[in-house]
Amino acid sequence: MRRARRTGADRGSATVWSVGAIAALCVVFGVVLALGQAVVARHRAAGGADLAALAAADHWAHGTAEACARADRVARVQGTRLVRCAVVGEISDVSVAAGSGPFAAEARARAGPAGRPPALRHHLFRRHRRAA
């Protein structure tokens, strides 16, 4: 009889452990989903910033206002919002934000004409001459 009482006291403990394990798995799953949302926001911001910077650099000759307006349009199409836009000569520098709340992300991108800056060309030329 004593044995029956011991097993009777343990009745239902597997249910309690199962509920605890399921709750812990739900918390882990929620954290993974939240991190995934943050990564998606970061990638969306980076892609939007790159495209907005390219659009602004492509329209630099029309003036800063027109170039930044084009960058804003491209950013909105990408599901992001333009935070900052600056065009100096042929080079554009933009910041774009994506997401909201704790999962908001901001990215910065620069774009301009292809080619090396003169100082970099000189540095590479000097390095090449020394190696030769």
C-alpha atoms as a PDB file:
ATOM      1  CA  MET A   1       0.000   0.000   0.000  1.00  0.00           C
ATOM      2  CA  ARG A   2       2.777   2.380   0.689  1.00  0.00           C
ATOM      3  CA  ARG A   3       4.007   1.875  -2.837  1.00  0.00           C
ATOM      4  CA  ALA A   4       0.655   2.824  -4.231  1.00  0.00           C
ATOM      5  CA  ARG A   5       0.704   6.047  -2.255  1.00  0.00           C
ATOM      6  CA  ARG A   6       4.138   7.018  -3.583  1.00  0.00           C
ATOM      7  CA  THR A   7       3.150   6.551  -7.178  1.00  0.00           C
ATOM      8  CA  GLY A   8      -0.117   8.311  -6.489  1.00  0.00           C
ATOM      9  CA  ALA A   9       1.826  11.361  -5.229  1.00  0.00           C
ATOM     10  CA  ASP A  10       3.772  11.505  -8.497  1.00  0.00           C
ATOM     11  CA  ARG A  11       0.704  11.303 -10.676  1.00  0.00           C
ATOM     12  CA  GLY A  12       0.489  14.217 -13.122  1.00  0.00           C
ATOM     13  CA  SER A  13       4.109  15.349 -12.712  1.00  0.00           C
ATOM     14  CA  ALA A  14       4.841  14.511 -16.364  1.00  0.00           C
ATOM     15  CA  THR A  15       2.083  16.936 -17.366  1.00  0.00           C
ATOM     16  CA  VAL A  16       3.673  19.723 -15.318  1.00  0.00           C
ATOM     17  CA  TRP A  17       7.106  19.025 -16.819  1.00  0.00           C
ATOM     18  CA  SER A  18       5.610  18.909 -20.321  1.00  0.00           C
ATOM     19  CA  VAL A  19       3.878  22.252 -19.836  1.00  0.00           C
ATOM     20  CA  GLY A  20       7.142  23.771 -18.549  1.00  0.00           C
ATOM     21  CA  ALA A  21       9.117  22.417 -21.502  1.00  0.00           C
ATOM     22  CA  ILE A  22       6.530  23.692 -23.993  1.00  0.00           C
ATOM     23  CA  ALA A  23       6.558  27.140 -22.365  1.00  0.00           C
ATOM     24  CA  ALA A  24      10.373  27.253 -22.543  1.00  0.00           C
ATOM     25  CA  LEU A  25      10.302  26.262 -26.217  1.00  0.00           C
ATOM     26  CA  CYS A  26       7.726  28.965 -26.927  1.00  0.00           C
ATOM     27  CA  VAL A  27       9.983  31.582 -25.324  1.00  0.00           C
ATOM     28  CA  VAL A  28      12.991  30.394 -27.372  1.00  0.00           C
ATOM     29  CA  PHE A  29      10.879  30.418 -30.536  1.00  0.00           C
ATOM     30  CA  GLY A  30       9.728  33.983 -29.771  1.00  0.00           C
ATOM     31  CA  VAL A  31      13.309  35.166 -29.287  1.00  0.00           C
ATOM     32  CA  VAL A  32      14.393  33.572 -32.575  1.00  0.00           C
ATOM     33  CA  LEU A  33      11.505  35.269 -34.396  1.00  0.00           C
ATOM     34  CA  ALA A  34      12.409  38.636 -32.856  1.00  0.00           C
ATOM     35  CA  LEU A  35      16.044  38.286 -33.913  1.00  0.00           C
ATOM     36  CA  GLY A  36      14.919  37.318 -37.397  1.00  0.00           C
ATOM     37  CA  GLN A  37      12.769  40.446 -37.571  1.00  0.00           C
ATOM     38  CA  ALA A  38      15.744  42.587 -36.551  1.00  0.00           C
ATOM     39  CA  VAL A  39      17.941  40.999 -39.245  1.00  0.00           C
ATOM     40  CA  VAL A  40      15.266  41.572 -41.898  1.00  0.00           C
ATOM     41  CA  ALA A  41      14.978  45.248 -40.883  1.00  0.00           C
ATOM     42  CA  ARG A  42      18.759  45.650 -41.061  1.00  0.00           C
ATOM     43  CA  HIS A  43      18.974  44.099 -44.531  1.00  0.00           C
ATOM     44  CA  ARG A  44      16.025  46.147 -45.779  1.00  0.00           C
ATOM     45  CA  ALA A  45      17.685  49.342 -44.491  1.00  0.00           C
ATOM     46  CA  ALA A  46      21.027  48.453 -46.092  1.00  0.00           C
ATOM     47  CA  GLY A  47      19.452  47.640 -49.447  1.00  0.00           C
ATOM     48  CA  GLY A  48      17.306  50.764 -49.381  1.00  0.00           C
ATOM     49  CA  ALA A  49      20.307  52.924 -48.497  1.00  0.00           C
ATOM     50  CA  ASP A  50      22.395  51.487 -51.324  1.00  0.00           C
ATOM     51  CA  LEU A  51      19.688  52.038 -53.920  1.00  0.00           C
ATOM     52  CA  ALA A  52      18.819  55.521 -52.632  1.00  0.00           C
ATOM     53  CA  ALA A  53      22.486  56.556 -52.728  1.00  0.00           C
ATOM     54  CA  LEU A  54      22.813  55.295 -56.288  1.00  0.00           C
ATOM     55  CA  ALA A  55      19.663  57.176 -57.315  1.00  0.00           C
ATOM     56  CA  ALA A  56      20.920  60.415 -55.744  1.00  0.00           C
ATOM     57  CA  ALA A  57      24.365  60.025 -57.324  1.00  0.00           C
ATOM     58  CA  ASP A  58      22.752  59.392 -60.705  1.00  0.00           C
ATOM     59  CA  HIS A  59      20.852  62.712 -60.504  1.00  0.00           C
ATOM     60  CA  TRP A  60      23.554  64.907 -58.945  1.00  0.00           C
ATOM     61  CA  ALA A  61      23.673  67.168 -62.015  1.00  0.00           C
ATOM     62  CA  HIS A  62      20.038  68.223 -61.454  1.00  0.00           C
ATOM     63  CA  GLY A  63      20.906  69.690 -58.050  1.00  0.00           C
ATOM     64  CA  THR A  64      20.788  68.492 -54.480  1.00  0.00           C
ATOM     65  CA  ALA A  65      17.030  68.930 -54.102  1.00  0.00           C
ATOM     66  CA  GLU A  66      16.213  66.835 -57.177  1.00  0.00           C
ATOM     67  CA  ALA A  67      18.804  64.185 -56.288  1.00  0.00           C
ATOM     68  CA  CYS A  68      17.484  63.857 -52.721  1.00  0.00           C
ATOM     69  CA  ALA A  69      13.885  63.782 -53.957  1.00  0.00           C
ATOM     70  CA  ARG A  70      14.811  60.870 -56.234  1.00  0.00           C
ATOM     71  CA  ALA A  71      16.578  59.130 -53.332  1.00  0.00           C
ATOM     72  CA  ASP A  72      13.464  59.603 -51.165  1.00  0.00           C
ATOM     73  CA  ARG A  73      11.236  58.065 -53.858  1.00  0.00           C
ATOM     74  CA  VAL A  74      13.527  55.063 -54.246  1.00  0.00           C
ATOM     75  CA  ALA A  75      13.729  54.596 -50.466  1.00  0.00           C
ATOM     76  CA  ARG A  76       9.914  54.656 -50.137  1.00  0.00           C
ATOM     77  CA  VAL A  77       9.532  52.084 -52.919  1.00  0.00           C
ATOM     78  CA  GLN A  78      11.913  49.826 -50.970  1.00  0.00           C
ATOM     79  CA  GLY A  79       9.749  50.116 -47.840  1.00  0.00           C
ATOM     80  CA  THR A  80      12.203  52.368 -46.020  1.00  0.00           C
ATOM     81  CA  ARG A  81      12.347  56.068 -45.174  1.00  0.00           C
ATOM     82  CA  LEU A  82      15.063  58.551 -46.032  1.00  0.00           C
ATOM     83  CA  VAL A  83      16.586  60.036 -42.880  1.00  0.00           C
ATOM     84  CA  ARG A  84      19.409  62.142 -44.337  1.00  0.00           C
ATOM     85  CA  CYS A  85      20.612  63.039 -47.786  1.00  0.00           C
ATOM     86  CA  ALA A  86      23.674  65.036 -48.798  1.00  0.00           C
ATOM     87  CA  VAL A  87      25.120  65.512 -52.268  1.00  0.00           C
ATOM     88  CA  VAL A  88      28.587  67.000 -52.599  1.00  0.00           C
ATOM     89  CA  GLY A  89      29.723  67.196 -56.173  1.00  0.00           C
ATOM     90  CA  GLU A  90      29.082  63.817 -57.768  1.00  0.00           C
ATOM     91  CA  ILE A  91      29.041  61.913 -54.457  1.00  0.00           C
ATOM     92  CA  SER A  92      25.848  61.243 -52.536  1.00  0.00           C
ATOM     93  CA  ASP A  93      25.661  60.248 -48.883  1.00  0.00           C
ATOM     94  CA  VAL A  94      22.311  58.997 -47.555  1.00  0.00           C
ATOM     95  CA  SER A  95      20.944  57.412 -44.388  1.00  0.00           C
ATOM     96  CA  VAL A  96      17.842  55.250 -44.506  1.00  0.00           C
ATOM     97  CA  ALA A  97      15.735  53.716 -41.715  1.00  0.00           C
ATOM     98  CA  ALA A  98      13.595  50.580 -41.802  1.00  0.00           C
ATOM     99  CA  GLY A  99      11.392  48.846 -39.264  1.00  0.00           C
ATOM    100  CA  SER A 100       9.834  50.312 -36.168  1.00  0.00           C
ATOM    101  CA  GLY A 101      10.017  50.033 -32.421  1.00  0.00           C
ATOM    102  CA  PRO A 102      12.813  47.923 -30.984  1.00  0.00           C
ATOM    103  CA  PHE A 103      13.490  46.395 -34.402  1.00  0.00           C
ATOM    104  CA  ALA A 104      14.267  49.664 -36.185  1.00  0.00           C
ATOM    105  CA  ALA A 105      17.512  49.754 -38.154  1.00  0.00           C
ATOM    106  CA  GLU A 106      19.352  52.560 -39.885  1.00  0.00           C
ATOM    107  CA  ALA A 107      21.954  52.229 -42.637  1.00  0.00           C
ATOM    108  CA  ARG A 108      24.214  54.697 -44.396  1.00  0.00           C
ATOM    109  CA  ALA A 109      25.503  54.462 -47.960  1.00  0.00           C
ATOM    110  CA  ARG A 110      27.651  56.551 -50.277  1.00  0.00           C
ATOM    111  CA  ALA A 111      27.721  56.466 -54.045  1.00  0.00           C
ATOM    112  CA  GLY A 112      29.597  58.295 -56.729  1.00  0.00           C
ATOM    113  CA  PRO A 113      31.423  57.815 -59.998  1.00  0.00           C
ATOM    114  CA  ALA A 114      33.615  54.808 -60.547  1.00  0.00           C
ATOM    115  CA  GLY A 115      37.343  55.225 -60.308  1.00  0.00           C
ATOM    116  CA  ARG A 116      39.943  55.769 -57.658  1.00  0.00           C
ATOM    117  CA  PRO A 117      40.453  59.106 -55.929  1.00  0.00           C
ATOM    118  CA  PRO A 118      43.673  60.867 -56.981  1.00  0.00           C
ATOM    119  CA  ALA A 119      45.354  60.344 -53.588  1.00  0.00           C
ATOM    120  CA  LEU A 120      44.647  56.620 -53.717  1.00  0.00           C
ATOM    121  CA  ARG A 121      45.973  56.359 -57.269  1.00  0.00           C
ATOM    122  CA  HIS A 122      49.200  58.048 -56.182  1.00  0.00           C
ATOM    123  CA  HIS A 123      49.524  55.716 -53.176  1.00  0.00           C
ATOM    124  CA  LEU A 124      49.000  52.606 -55.317  1.00  0.00           C
ATOM    125  CA  PHE A 125      51.431  53.864 -57.941  1.00  0.00           C
ATOM    126  CA  ARG A 126      54.136  54.423 -55.324  1.00  0.00           C
ATOM    127  CA  ARG A 127      53.567  50.985 -53.814  1.00  0.00           C
ATOM    128  CA  HIS A 128      53.775  49.362 -57.266  1.00  0.00           C
ATOM    129  CA  ARG A 129      57.041  51.155 -58.074  1.00  0.00           C
ATOM    130  CA  ARG A 130      58.657  49.996 -54.824  1.00  0.00           C
ATOM    131  CA  ALA A 131      57.748  46.362 -55.479  1.00  0.00           C
ATOM    132  CA  ALA A 132      59.198  46.494 -59.005  1.00  0.00           C
END
